[in-house]
Amino acid sequence: AIVASLGSDAIISCLMSHPAKKVKFFKYIKEGLLKEIQITDSKYRLINNQELAIQKVSSDDFGIYVCQSENIENKNLQLLFDSSDPDSFYLVVSPQNKLNLSYYDSKNVTCKTYGDNAKLEWLVERESNGLLKLIPVAFEKVAMQSSQTEQGNTEKIWTLMLTRVTKDDAGNYVCKGSIDKRVGFKDLKVFVNGPVIPQIKEFKSVMARVSTKVSLTCKVNGIPSPSVEFYKDDNKIITGGQYTIMSKKLVINKVRYPEDDGIYKCVIKNMFGKAVADATLSVIVLPTIDKSEKYVLVPHA
């Protein structure tokens, strides 16, 4: 046992034998449930790949910790309970650890394990009566698939379907796996960015000579990403012939006068709003000499 005072630092050692190993630490949450310590968190540091340093111990840090080691003999095993037990299992979550989504994005997250008796479940952390609790994800947001591998093992995949996400879908998710009384899990943090009302950050006026190529760029911001349209004289511009539209840029392939001279509009919108900005294309017409005119030079008196 390790005794630490509130506010002090604590070190938990996990000395393992060779060959070269990879050590993970877990905290015992409740019966049968472990939570992996995220070393990337500023709260925790891994020293010499064998010791867990906990900085500024708080009451939340008190409890039972579990150390798990991997070496070249079992490097593919994750959340392994007993490497000598053929019924041991592991969980693989893809993508791992963290998922960044924009408002109304869609993404499937898979949790995979092996074993005839293995069970999988997706949980999400939600507040209830002032407390954070892990509750099962709604049935319509998950799907189970089971198949046999070439080696004859039973592969089970439990898919979390995040569809047209909103802020309500953000949070901490857990894939929980179990065989009999053995339980393990993988964490997934889901971040949802937005929504952001569309804004036009820049749409500059430009000058161009006749017969040259010129572009008008509409720099925008918004979540979900807004659609961009260009107009001249209230007529929508489409790609073809004289014009090429590339994402947020209008390219005029061969400037004409007076047809292309004038004011252009950039119109952007998503489901949360709309924005409009104007820019002027000033076409430069160089003076020309009419070769049909005849000129007579008169000597100076």
C-alpha atoms as a PDB file:
ATOM      1  CA  ALA A   1       0.000   0.000   0.000  1.00  0.00           C
ATOM      2  CA  ILE A   2       1.073   3.567  -0.674  1.00  0.00           C
ATOM      3  CA  VAL A   3       0.110   6.412   1.651  1.00  0.00           C
ATOM      4  CA  ALA A   4      -0.054   9.933   0.221  1.00  0.00           C
ATOM      5  CA  SER A   5      -1.223  13.262   1.586  1.00  0.00           C
ATOM      6  CA  LEU A   6      -3.659  15.500  -0.239  1.00  0.00           C
ATOM      7  CA  GLY A   7      -1.781  17.882  -2.526  1.00  0.00           C
ATOM      8  CA  SER A   8       1.426  15.837  -2.533  1.00  0.00           C
ATOM      9  CA  ASP A   9       2.836  13.706  -5.358  1.00  0.00           C
ATOM     10  CA  ALA A  10       2.733   9.905  -5.306  1.00  0.00           C
ATOM     11  CA  ILE A  11       4.630   7.237  -7.244  1.00  0.00           C
ATOM     12  CA  ILE A  12       3.328   3.716  -7.892  1.00  0.00           C
ATOM     13  CA  SER A  13       6.047   1.295  -9.004  1.00  0.00           C
ATOM     14  CA  CYS A  14       5.430  -1.653 -11.318  1.00  0.00           C
ATOM     15  CA  LEU A  15       8.706  -3.533 -11.787  1.00  0.00           C
ATOM     16  CA  MET A  16       8.482  -6.194 -14.486  1.00  0.00           C
ATOM     17  CA  SER A  17      10.798  -8.853 -15.870  1.00  0.00           C
ATOM     18  CA  HIS A  18      12.300  -8.898 -19.326  1.00  0.00           C
ATOM     19  CA  PRO A  19      12.036  -9.007 -22.319  1.00  0.00           C
ATOM     20  CA  ALA A  20      11.342  -5.346 -23.017  1.00  0.00           C
ATOM     21  CA  LYS A  21       7.852  -4.469 -21.847  1.00  0.00           C
ATOM     22  CA  LYS A  22       5.140  -1.860 -22.102  1.00  0.00           C
ATOM     23  CA  VAL A  23       3.367  -1.014 -18.879  1.00  0.00           C
ATOM     24  CA  LYS A  24      -0.171   0.315 -18.475  1.00  0.00           C
ATOM     25  CA  PHE A  25      -1.906   1.387 -15.289  1.00  0.00           C
ATOM     26  CA  PHE A  26      -5.598   1.078 -14.458  1.00  0.00           C
ATOM     27  CA  LYS A  27      -7.696   2.348 -11.563  1.00  0.00           C
ATOM     28  CA  TYR A  28     -10.281   0.079  -9.950  1.00  0.00           C
ATOM     29  CA  ILE A  29     -13.597   1.945 -10.246  1.00  0.00           C
ATOM     30  CA  LYS A  30     -16.014  -0.618  -8.854  1.00  0.00           C
ATOM     31  CA  GLU A  31     -16.518  -4.363  -8.879  1.00  0.00           C
ATOM     32  CA  GLY A  32     -15.225  -5.718 -12.158  1.00  0.00           C
ATOM     33  CA  LEU A  33     -14.587  -2.279 -13.719  1.00  0.00           C
ATOM     34  CA  LEU A  34     -11.149  -0.834 -14.402  1.00  0.00           C
ATOM     35  CA  LYS A  35     -10.356   2.528 -15.946  1.00  0.00           C
ATOM     36  CA  GLU A  36      -7.133   2.995 -17.909  1.00  0.00           C
ATOM     37  CA  ILE A  37      -4.916   5.847 -16.740  1.00  0.00           C
ATOM     38  CA  GLN A  38      -4.256   8.252 -19.631  1.00  0.00           C
ATOM     39  CA  ILE A  39      -0.571   9.138 -19.395  1.00  0.00           C
ATOM     40  CA  THR A  40      -1.055  12.056 -21.806  1.00  0.00           C
ATOM     41  CA  ASP A  41      -3.075  13.779 -19.085  1.00  0.00           C
ATOM     42  CA  SER A  42      -1.011  16.407 -17.211  1.00  0.00           C
ATOM     43  CA  LYS A  43      -2.148  14.687 -14.020  1.00  0.00           C
ATOM     44  CA  TYR A  44      -0.069  11.562 -14.702  1.00  0.00           C
ATOM     45  CA  ARG A  45       3.494  10.794 -15.840  1.00  0.00           C
ATOM     46  CA  LEU A  46       5.175   7.491 -16.669  1.00  0.00           C
ATOM     47  CA  ILE A  47       8.712   7.226 -15.287  1.00  0.00           C
ATOM     48  CA  ASN A  48      11.139   4.778 -16.907  1.00  0.00           C
ATOM     49  CA  ASN A  49       8.111   2.934 -18.275  1.00  0.00           C
ATOM     50  CA  GLN A  50       7.700   1.276 -14.850  1.00  0.00           C
ATOM     51  CA  GLU A  51       6.391   3.888 -12.435  1.00  0.00           C
ATOM     52  CA  LEU A  52       3.201   5.937 -12.411  1.00  0.00           C
ATOM     53  CA  ALA A  53       3.625   9.425 -10.982  1.00  0.00           C
ATOM     54  CA  ILE A  54       0.424  11.071  -9.734  1.00  0.00           C
ATOM     55  CA  GLN A  55       0.761  14.812  -9.315  1.00  0.00           C
ATOM     56  CA  LYS A  56      -1.067  16.742  -6.597  1.00  0.00           C
ATOM     57  CA  VAL A  57      -3.028  13.869  -5.132  1.00  0.00           C
ATOM     58  CA  SER A  58      -6.728  14.549  -4.534  1.00  0.00           C
ATOM     59  CA  SER A  59      -9.434  12.483  -2.855  1.00  0.00           C
ATOM     60  CA  ASP A  60     -10.432  11.186  -6.311  1.00  0.00           C
ATOM     61  CA  ASP A  61      -7.030   9.496  -6.607  1.00  0.00           C
ATOM     62  CA  PHE A  62      -7.445   7.261  -3.565  1.00  0.00           C
ATOM     63  CA  GLY A  63      -8.196   3.630  -4.334  1.00  0.00           C
ATOM     64  CA  ILE A  64      -6.823   0.462  -5.902  1.00  0.00           C
ATOM     65  CA  TYR A  65      -4.571   0.576  -8.962  1.00  0.00           C
ATOM     66  CA  VAL A  66      -3.756  -2.269 -11.371  1.00  0.00           C
ATOM     67  CA  CYS A  67      -0.569  -2.613 -13.394  1.00  0.00           C
ATOM     68  CA  GLN A  68      -0.526  -4.498 -16.711  1.00  0.00           C
ATOM     69  CA  SER A  69       2.629  -5.341 -18.641  1.00  0.00           C
ATOM     70  CA  GLU A  70       3.126  -6.274 -22.298  1.00  0.00           C
ATOM     71  CA  ASN A  71       6.266  -7.694 -23.847  1.00  0.00           C
ATOM     72  CA  ILE A  72       7.166  -9.122 -27.244  1.00  0.00           C
ATOM     73  CA  GLU A  73       5.454 -12.377 -26.282  1.00  0.00           C
ATOM     74  CA  ASN A  74       2.023 -10.843 -25.737  1.00  0.00           C
ATOM     75  CA  LYS A  75       2.308  -7.465 -27.457  1.00  0.00           C
ATOM     76  CA  ASN A  76      -1.046  -7.902 -29.207  1.00  0.00           C
ATOM     77  CA  LEU A  77      -2.995  -8.421 -25.996  1.00  0.00           C
ATOM     78  CA  GLN A  78      -4.876  -5.453 -24.602  1.00  0.00           C
ATOM     79  CA  LEU A  79      -6.848  -5.463 -21.370  1.00  0.00           C
ATOM     80  CA  LEU A  80      -5.540  -8.967 -20.736  1.00  0.00           C
ATOM     81  CA  PHE A  81      -6.704 -10.488 -17.457  1.00  0.00           C
ATOM     82  CA  ASP A  82      -4.651 -13.669 -17.243  1.00  0.00           C
ATOM     83  CA  SER A  83      -2.129 -14.447 -19.983  1.00  0.00           C
ATOM     84  CA  SER A  84      -2.059 -18.121 -18.956  1.00  0.00           C
ATOM     85  CA  ASP A  85      -5.820 -18.478 -19.387  1.00  0.00           C
ATOM     86  CA  PRO A  86      -6.883 -19.422 -22.943  1.00  0.00           C
ATOM     87  CA  ASP A  87     -10.231 -17.722 -22.380  1.00  0.00           C
ATOM     88  CA  SER A  88      -8.610 -14.325 -21.803  1.00  0.00           C
ATOM     89  CA  PHE A  89      -9.721 -11.624 -24.198  1.00  0.00           C
ATOM     90  CA  TYR A  90      -8.808  -8.175 -25.408  1.00  0.00           C
ATOM     91  CA  LEU A  91     -10.690  -5.130 -26.685  1.00  0.00           C
ATOM     92  CA  VAL A  92      -9.710  -2.994 -29.663  1.00  0.00           C
ATOM     93  CA  VAL A  93     -11.491   0.309 -30.254  1.00  0.00           C
ATOM     94  CA  SER A  94     -11.059   2.114 -33.588  1.00  0.00           C
ATOM     95  CA  PRO A  95     -10.490   5.035 -33.679  1.00  0.00           C
ATOM     96  CA  GLN A  96      -8.705   4.938 -30.318  1.00  0.00           C
ATOM     97  CA  ASN A  97      -8.853   7.328 -27.359  1.00  0.00           C
ATOM     98  CA  LYS A  98     -10.224  10.495 -28.994  1.00  0.00           C
ATOM     99  CA  LEU A  99     -12.593  11.490 -31.787  1.00  0.00           C
ATOM    100  CA  ASN A 100     -13.085  15.053 -33.054  1.00  0.00           C
ATOM    101  CA  LEU A 101     -16.274  15.668 -35.028  1.00  0.00           C
ATOM    102  CA  SER A 102     -17.931  18.735 -36.487  1.00  0.00           C
ATOM    103  CA  TYR A 103     -21.605  19.449 -36.000  1.00  0.00           C
ATOM    104  CA  TYR A 104     -23.764  17.058 -38.066  1.00  0.00           C
ATOM    105  CA  ASP A 105     -20.808  14.823 -38.985  1.00  0.00           C
ATOM    106  CA  SER A 106     -21.355  11.052 -38.947  1.00  0.00           C
ATOM    107  CA  LYS A 107     -18.890   8.397 -37.793  1.00  0.00           C
ATOM    108  CA  ASN A 108     -18.956   4.714 -36.876  1.00  0.00           C
ATOM    109  CA  VAL A 109     -16.718   3.523 -34.033  1.00  0.00           C
ATOM    110  CA  THR A 110     -16.017  -0.188 -33.676  1.00  0.00           C
ATOM    111  CA  CYS A 111     -15.139  -2.170 -30.576  1.00  0.00           C
ATOM    112  CA  LYS A 112     -13.803  -5.657 -31.279  1.00  0.00           C
ATOM    113  CA  THR A 113     -13.030  -8.706 -29.168  1.00  0.00           C
ATOM    114  CA  TYR A 114     -12.733 -12.484 -29.510  1.00  0.00           C
ATOM    115  CA  GLY A 115     -14.344 -15.392 -27.673  1.00  0.00           C
ATOM    116  CA  ASP A 116     -17.526 -17.461 -27.835  1.00  0.00           C
ATOM    117  CA  ASN A 117     -18.642 -16.260 -24.417  1.00  0.00           C
ATOM    118  CA  ALA A 118     -17.502 -12.661 -24.811  1.00  0.00           C
ATOM    119  CA  LYS A 119     -20.057  -9.886 -24.403  1.00  0.00           C
ATOM    120  CA  LEU A 120     -19.709  -6.279 -25.506  1.00  0.00           C
ATOM    121  CA  GLU A 121     -21.579  -3.145 -24.522  1.00  0.00           C
ATOM    122  CA  TRP A 122     -21.241   0.568 -25.321  1.00  0.00           C
ATOM    123  CA  LEU A 123     -21.763   2.919 -22.371  1.00  0.00           C
ATOM    124  CA  VAL A 124     -21.803   6.711 -22.216  1.00  0.00           C
ATOM    125  CA  GLU A 125     -21.126   9.017 -19.278  1.00  0.00           C
ATOM    126  CA  ARG A 126     -24.140  11.175 -18.429  1.00  0.00           C
ATOM    127  CA  GLU A 127     -25.187  13.315 -15.461  1.00  0.00           C
ATOM    128  CA  SER A 128     -27.992  12.070 -13.244  1.00  0.00           C
ATOM    129  CA  ASN A 129     -29.037  13.769 -10.004  1.00  0.00           C
ATOM    130  CA  GLY A 130     -25.788  15.713  -9.948  1.00  0.00           C
ATOM    131  CA  LEU A 131     -23.632  12.610 -10.455  1.00  0.00           C
ATOM    132  CA  LEU A 132     -21.854  11.306 -13.543  1.00  0.00           C
ATOM    133  CA  LYS A 133     -22.939   7.768 -14.364  1.00  0.00           C
ATOM    134  CA  LEU A 134     -22.180   5.276 -17.112  1.00  0.00           C
ATOM    135  CA  ILE A 135     -25.398   4.282 -18.853  1.00  0.00           C
ATOM    136  CA  PRO A 136     -26.003   2.050 -21.896  1.00  0.00           C
ATOM    137  CA  VAL A 137     -26.002   3.816 -25.264  1.00  0.00           C
ATOM    138  CA  ALA A 138     -29.447   3.931 -26.894  1.00  0.00           C
ATOM    139  CA  PHE A 139     -30.240   0.712 -28.759  1.00  0.00           C
ATOM    140  CA  GLU A 140     -30.725   2.451 -32.121  1.00  0.00           C
ATOM    141  CA  LYS A 141     -27.164   3.811 -31.974  1.00  0.00           C
ATOM    142  CA  VAL A 142     -25.394   0.442 -31.749  1.00  0.00           C
ATOM    143  CA  ALA A 143     -25.080  -2.669 -33.918  1.00  0.00           C
ATOM    144  CA  MET A 144     -23.560  -6.094 -33.214  1.00  0.00           C
ATOM    145  CA  GLN A 145     -21.734  -8.282 -35.715  1.00  0.00           C
ATOM    146  CA  SER A 146     -20.321 -11.761 -35.063  1.00  0.00           C
ATOM    147  CA  SER A 147     -18.179 -13.885 -37.393  1.00  0.00           C
ATOM    148  CA  GLN A 148     -15.579 -16.650 -37.466  1.00  0.00           C
ATOM    149  CA  THR A 149     -11.934 -15.890 -38.236  1.00  0.00           C
ATOM    150  CA  GLU A 150      -9.740 -18.107 -40.424  1.00  0.00           C
ATOM    151  CA  GLN A 151      -8.271 -19.526 -37.208  1.00  0.00           C
ATOM    152  CA  GLY A 152     -11.733 -20.565 -36.018  1.00  0.00           C
ATOM    153  CA  ASN A 153     -12.049 -17.893 -33.340  1.00  0.00           C
ATOM    154  CA  THR A 154     -15.290 -16.018 -32.784  1.00  0.00           C
ATOM    155  CA  GLU A 155     -14.862 -12.326 -33.587  1.00  0.00           C
ATOM    156  CA  LYS A 156     -17.408  -9.931 -32.153  1.00  0.00           C
ATOM    157  CA  ILE A 157     -17.737  -6.309 -33.230  1.00  0.00           C
ATOM    158  CA  TRP A 158     -19.990  -3.836 -31.447  1.00  0.00           C
ATOM    159  CA  THR A 159     -20.394  -0.656 -33.542  1.00  0.00           C
ATOM    160  CA  LEU A 160     -21.266   2.731 -32.082  1.00  0.00           C
ATOM    161  CA  MET A 161     -23.081   4.729 -34.779  1.00  0.00           C
ATOM    162  CA  LEU A 162     -22.659   8.475 -34.317  1.00  0.00           C
ATOM    163  CA  THR A 163     -24.988  10.000 -36.918  1.00  0.00           C
ATOM    164  CA  ARG A 164     -25.422  13.731 -37.645  1.00  0.00           C
ATOM    165  CA  VAL A 165     -23.914  14.524 -34.269  1.00  0.00           C
ATOM    166  CA  THR A 166     -24.865  17.444 -32.057  1.00  0.00           C
ATOM    167  CA  LYS A 167     -23.556  18.652 -28.711  1.00  0.00           C
ATOM    168  CA  ASP A 168     -25.710  15.989 -27.060  1.00  0.00           C
ATOM    169  CA  ASP A 169     -23.473  13.295 -28.584  1.00  0.00           C
ATOM    170  CA  ALA A 170     -20.258  14.670 -27.055  1.00  0.00           C
ATOM    171  CA  GLY A 171     -18.800  13.025 -23.967  1.00  0.00           C
ATOM    172  CA  ASN A 172     -16.957  10.020 -22.619  1.00  0.00           C
ATOM    173  CA  TYR A 173     -17.867   6.652 -24.092  1.00  0.00           C
ATOM    174  CA  VAL A 174     -16.789   3.241 -22.816  1.00  0.00           C
ATOM    175  CA  CYS A 175     -16.740  -0.071 -24.639  1.00  0.00           C
ATOM    176  CA  LYS A 176     -17.212  -2.688 -21.936  1.00  0.00           C
ATOM    177  CA  GLY A 177     -16.252  -6.292 -22.591  1.00  0.00           C
ATOM    178  CA  SER A 178     -16.768  -9.285 -20.356  1.00  0.00           C
ATOM    179  CA  ILE A 179     -16.240 -13.022 -20.148  1.00  0.00           C
ATOM    180  CA  ASP A 180     -17.895 -14.546 -17.097  1.00  0.00           C
ATOM    181  CA  LYS A 181     -16.801 -12.326 -14.198  1.00  0.00           C
ATOM    182  CA  ARG A 182     -13.831 -10.764 -15.959  1.00  0.00           C
ATOM    183  CA  VAL A 183     -14.461  -7.252 -17.212  1.00  0.00           C
ATOM    184  CA  GLY A 184     -12.396  -4.735 -19.162  1.00  0.00           C
ATOM    185  CA  PHE A 185     -13.060  -1.593 -21.095  1.00  0.00           C
ATOM    186  CA  LYS A 186     -11.705   0.989 -23.519  1.00  0.00           C
ATOM    187  CA  ASP A 187     -12.384   4.722 -23.233  1.00  0.00           C
ATOM    188  CA  LEU A 188     -13.289   7.015 -26.130  1.00  0.00           C
ATOM    189  CA  LYS A 189     -13.653  10.775 -25.766  1.00  0.00           C
ATOM    190  CA  VAL A 190     -15.951  12.332 -28.372  1.00  0.00           C
ATOM    191  CA  PHE A 191     -15.688  16.065 -29.049  1.00  0.00           C
ATOM    192  CA  VAL A 192     -18.287  17.873 -31.182  1.00  0.00           C
ATOM    193  CA  ASN A 193     -17.251  21.238 -32.613  1.00  0.00           C
ATOM    194  CA  GLY A 194     -19.910  23.798 -33.458  1.00  0.00           C
ATOM    195  CA  PRO A 195     -22.370  24.805 -34.526  1.00  0.00           C
ATOM    196  CA  VAL A 196     -20.877  28.020 -35.925  1.00  0.00           C
ATOM    197  CA  ILE A 197     -22.993  30.515 -37.874  1.00  0.00           C
ATOM    198  CA  PRO A 198     -21.324  31.051 -41.276  1.00  0.00           C
ATOM    199  CA  GLN A 199     -19.061  34.063 -41.587  1.00  0.00           C
ATOM    200  CA  ILE A 200     -17.170  35.530 -44.534  1.00  0.00           C
ATOM    201  CA  LYS A 201     -13.702  36.415 -43.327  1.00  0.00           C
ATOM    202  CA  GLU A 202     -12.471  37.942 -46.584  1.00  0.00           C
ATOM    203  CA  PHE A 203     -13.738  38.678 -50.116  1.00  0.00           C
ATOM    204  CA  LYS A 204     -11.400  41.226 -51.703  1.00  0.00           C
ATOM    205  CA  SER A 205     -11.908  43.420 -54.743  1.00  0.00           C
ATOM    206  CA  VAL A 206      -9.393  42.897 -57.552  1.00  0.00           C
ATOM    207  CA  MET A 207      -8.191  44.477 -60.801  1.00  0.00           C
ATOM    208  CA  ALA A 208      -7.372  42.620 -64.005  1.00  0.00           C
ATOM    209  CA  ARG A 209      -6.533  43.372 -67.611  1.00  0.00           C
ATOM    210  CA  VAL A 210      -8.645  42.254 -70.504  1.00  0.00           C
ATOM    211  CA  SER A 211      -7.941  38.653 -71.677  1.00  0.00           C
ATOM    212  CA  THR A 212      -6.094  37.686 -68.466  1.00  0.00           C
ATOM    213  CA  LYS A 213      -7.147  35.129 -65.842  1.00  0.00           C
ATOM    214  CA  VAL A 214      -8.273  36.352 -62.433  1.00  0.00           C
ATOM    215  CA  SER A 215      -9.759  34.806 -59.305  1.00  0.00           C
ATOM    216  CA  LEU A 216     -12.031  36.024 -56.524  1.00  0.00           C
ATOM    217  CA  THR A 217     -11.545  34.086 -53.273  1.00  0.00           C
ATOM    218  CA  CYS A 218     -14.213  33.952 -50.576  1.00  0.00           C
ATOM    219  CA  LYS A 219     -12.615  32.936 -47.260  1.00  0.00           C
ATOM    220  CA  VAL A 220     -15.298  31.540 -44.956  1.00  0.00           C
ATOM    221  CA  ASN A 221     -15.875  29.993 -41.561  1.00  0.00           C
ATOM    222  CA  GLY A 222     -18.748  27.916 -40.232  1.00  0.00           C
ATOM    223  CA  ILE A 223     -19.703  24.534 -38.752  1.00  0.00           C
ATOM    224  CA  PRO A 224     -21.033  22.587 -40.551  1.00  0.00           C
ATOM    225  CA  SER A 225     -18.920  23.820 -43.460  1.00  0.00           C
ATOM    226  CA  PRO A 226     -21.103  26.265 -45.410  1.00  0.00           C
ATOM    227  CA  SER A 227     -21.954  26.020 -49.101  1.00  0.00           C
ATOM    228  CA  VAL A 228     -20.483  28.796 -51.272  1.00  0.00           C
ATOM    229  CA  GLU A 229     -22.134  30.396 -54.315  1.00  0.00           C
ATOM    230  CA  PHE A 230     -21.131  33.319 -56.534  1.00  0.00           C
ATOM    231  CA  TYR A 231     -23.434  35.818 -58.240  1.00  0.00           C
ATOM    232  CA  LYS A 232     -23.124  38.743 -60.652  1.00  0.00           C
ATOM    233  CA  ASP A 233     -26.049  41.050 -61.350  1.00  0.00           C
ATOM    234  CA  ASP A 234     -28.218  38.653 -59.306  1.00  0.00           C
ATOM    235  CA  ASN A 235     -27.393  35.799 -61.685  1.00  0.00           C
ATOM    236  CA  LYS A 236     -25.850  32.672 -60.184  1.00  0.00           C
ATOM    237  CA  ILE A 237     -22.488  31.763 -61.714  1.00  0.00           C
ATOM    238  CA  ILE A 238     -21.873  28.111 -62.535  1.00  0.00           C
ATOM    239  CA  THR A 239     -18.752  26.290 -63.707  1.00  0.00           C
ATOM    240  CA  GLY A 240     -18.367  26.147 -67.457  1.00  0.00           C
ATOM    241  CA  GLY A 241     -16.664  28.012 -70.273  1.00  0.00           C
ATOM    242  CA  GLN A 242     -15.750  31.428 -68.948  1.00  0.00           C
ATOM    243  CA  TYR A 243     -15.986  30.465 -65.269  1.00  0.00           C
ATOM    244  CA  THR A 244     -14.470  27.802 -63.015  1.00  0.00           C
ATOM    245  CA  ILE A 245     -15.593  27.439 -59.394  1.00  0.00           C
ATOM    246  CA  MET A 246     -13.110  25.628 -57.145  1.00  0.00           C
ATOM    247  CA  SER A 247     -14.461  25.246 -53.619  1.00  0.00           C
ATOM    248  CA  LYS A 248     -14.397  28.815 -52.317  1.00  0.00           C
ATOM    249  CA  LYS A 249     -12.751  30.423 -55.353  1.00  0.00           C
ATOM    250  CA  LEU A 250     -14.289  31.868 -58.533  1.00  0.00           C
ATOM    251  CA  VAL A 251     -11.895  31.837 -61.492  1.00  0.00           C
ATOM    252  CA  ILE A 252     -12.618  33.948 -64.565  1.00  0.00           C
ATOM    253  CA  ASN A 253     -10.574  32.266 -67.257  1.00  0.00           C
ATOM    254  CA  LYS A 254     -10.408  35.139 -69.763  1.00  0.00           C
ATOM    255  CA  VAL A 255     -11.513  38.555 -68.576  1.00  0.00           C
ATOM    256  CA  ARG A 256     -13.825  40.469 -70.906  1.00  0.00           C
ATOM    257  CA  TYR A 257     -14.910  44.088 -70.950  1.00  0.00           C
ATOM    258  CA  PRO A 258     -17.503  45.238 -70.152  1.00  0.00           C
ATOM    259  CA  GLU A 259     -19.161  41.843 -69.454  1.00  0.00           C
ATOM    260  CA  ASP A 260     -16.972  40.849 -66.481  1.00  0.00           C
ATOM    261  CA  ASP A 261     -16.502  44.317 -65.025  1.00  0.00           C
ATOM    262  CA  GLY A 262     -18.609  45.017 -61.952  1.00  0.00           C
ATOM    263  CA  ILE A 263     -19.750  43.769 -58.554  1.00  0.00           C
ATOM    264  CA  TYR A 264     -19.734  40.089 -57.537  1.00  0.00           C
ATOM    265  CA  LYS A 265     -21.458  38.525 -54.545  1.00  0.00           C
ATOM    266  CA  CYS A 266     -20.277  35.625 -52.395  1.00  0.00           C
ATOM    267  CA  VAL A 267     -23.228  33.915 -50.690  1.00  0.00           C
ATOM    268  CA  ILE A 268     -22.580  31.263 -48.033  1.00  0.00           C
ATOM    269  CA  LYS A 269     -24.993  29.316 -45.856  1.00  0.00           C
ATOM    270  CA  ASN A 270     -25.441  26.331 -43.610  1.00  0.00           C
ATOM    271  CA  MET A 271     -28.429  25.218 -41.555  1.00  0.00           C
ATOM    272  CA  PHE A 272     -27.660  27.819 -38.891  1.00  0.00           C
ATOM    273  CA  GLY A 273     -27.404  30.947 -41.009  1.00  0.00           C
ATOM    274  CA  LYS A 274     -26.337  32.827 -44.108  1.00  0.00           C
ATOM    275  CA  ALA A 275     -23.786  35.520 -45.001  1.00  0.00           C
ATOM    276  CA  VAL A 276     -23.268  37.727 -48.068  1.00  0.00           C
ATOM    277  CA  ALA A 277     -20.304  39.872 -49.139  1.00  0.00           C
ATOM    278  CA  ASP A 278     -19.499  41.993 -52.210  1.00  0.00           C
ATOM    279  CA  ALA A 279     -16.280  42.419 -54.168  1.00  0.00           C
ATOM    280  CA  THR A 280     -15.577  44.453 -57.283  1.00  0.00           C
ATOM    281  CA  LEU A 281     -13.684  43.322 -60.355  1.00  0.00           C
ATOM    282  CA  SER A 282     -12.266  46.375 -62.118  1.00  0.00           C
ATOM    283  CA  VAL A 283     -11.295  45.508 -65.672  1.00  0.00           C
ATOM    284  CA  ILE A 284      -8.370  47.518 -67.033  1.00  0.00           C
ATOM    285  CA  VAL A 285      -8.691  48.416 -70.694  1.00  0.00           C
ATOM    286  CA  LEU A 286      -5.377  49.473 -72.262  1.00  0.00           C
ATOM    287  CA  PRO A 287      -5.515  52.225 -74.900  1.00  0.00           C
ATOM    288  CA  THR A 288      -5.087  51.092 -78.511  1.00  0.00           C
ATOM    289  CA  ILE A 289      -4.119  52.872 -81.712  1.00  0.00           C
ATOM    290  CA  ASP A 290      -6.475  52.691 -84.654  1.00  0.00           C
ATOM    291  CA  LYS A 291      -4.144  51.792 -87.512  1.00  0.00           C
ATOM    292  CA  SER A 292      -6.717  52.964 -90.071  1.00  0.00           C
ATOM    293  CA  GLU A 293      -6.158  56.597 -89.100  1.00  0.00           C
ATOM    294  CA  LYS A 294      -3.658  58.574 -91.198  1.00  0.00           C
ATOM    295  CA  TYR A 295      -1.424  61.178 -89.651  1.00  0.00           C
ATOM    296  CA  VAL A 296       0.535  63.967 -91.413  1.00  0.00           C
ATOM    297  CA  LEU A 297       3.689  65.428 -89.909  1.00  0.00           C
ATOM    298  CA  VAL A 298       3.869  69.199 -90.354  1.00  0.00           C
ATOM    299  CA  PRO A 299       7.251  70.955 -89.920  1.00  0.00           C
ATOM    300  CA  HIS A 300       7.389  73.447 -87.094  1.00  0.00           C
ATOM    301  CA  ALA A 301       7.331  77.032 -88.380  1.00  0.00           C
END
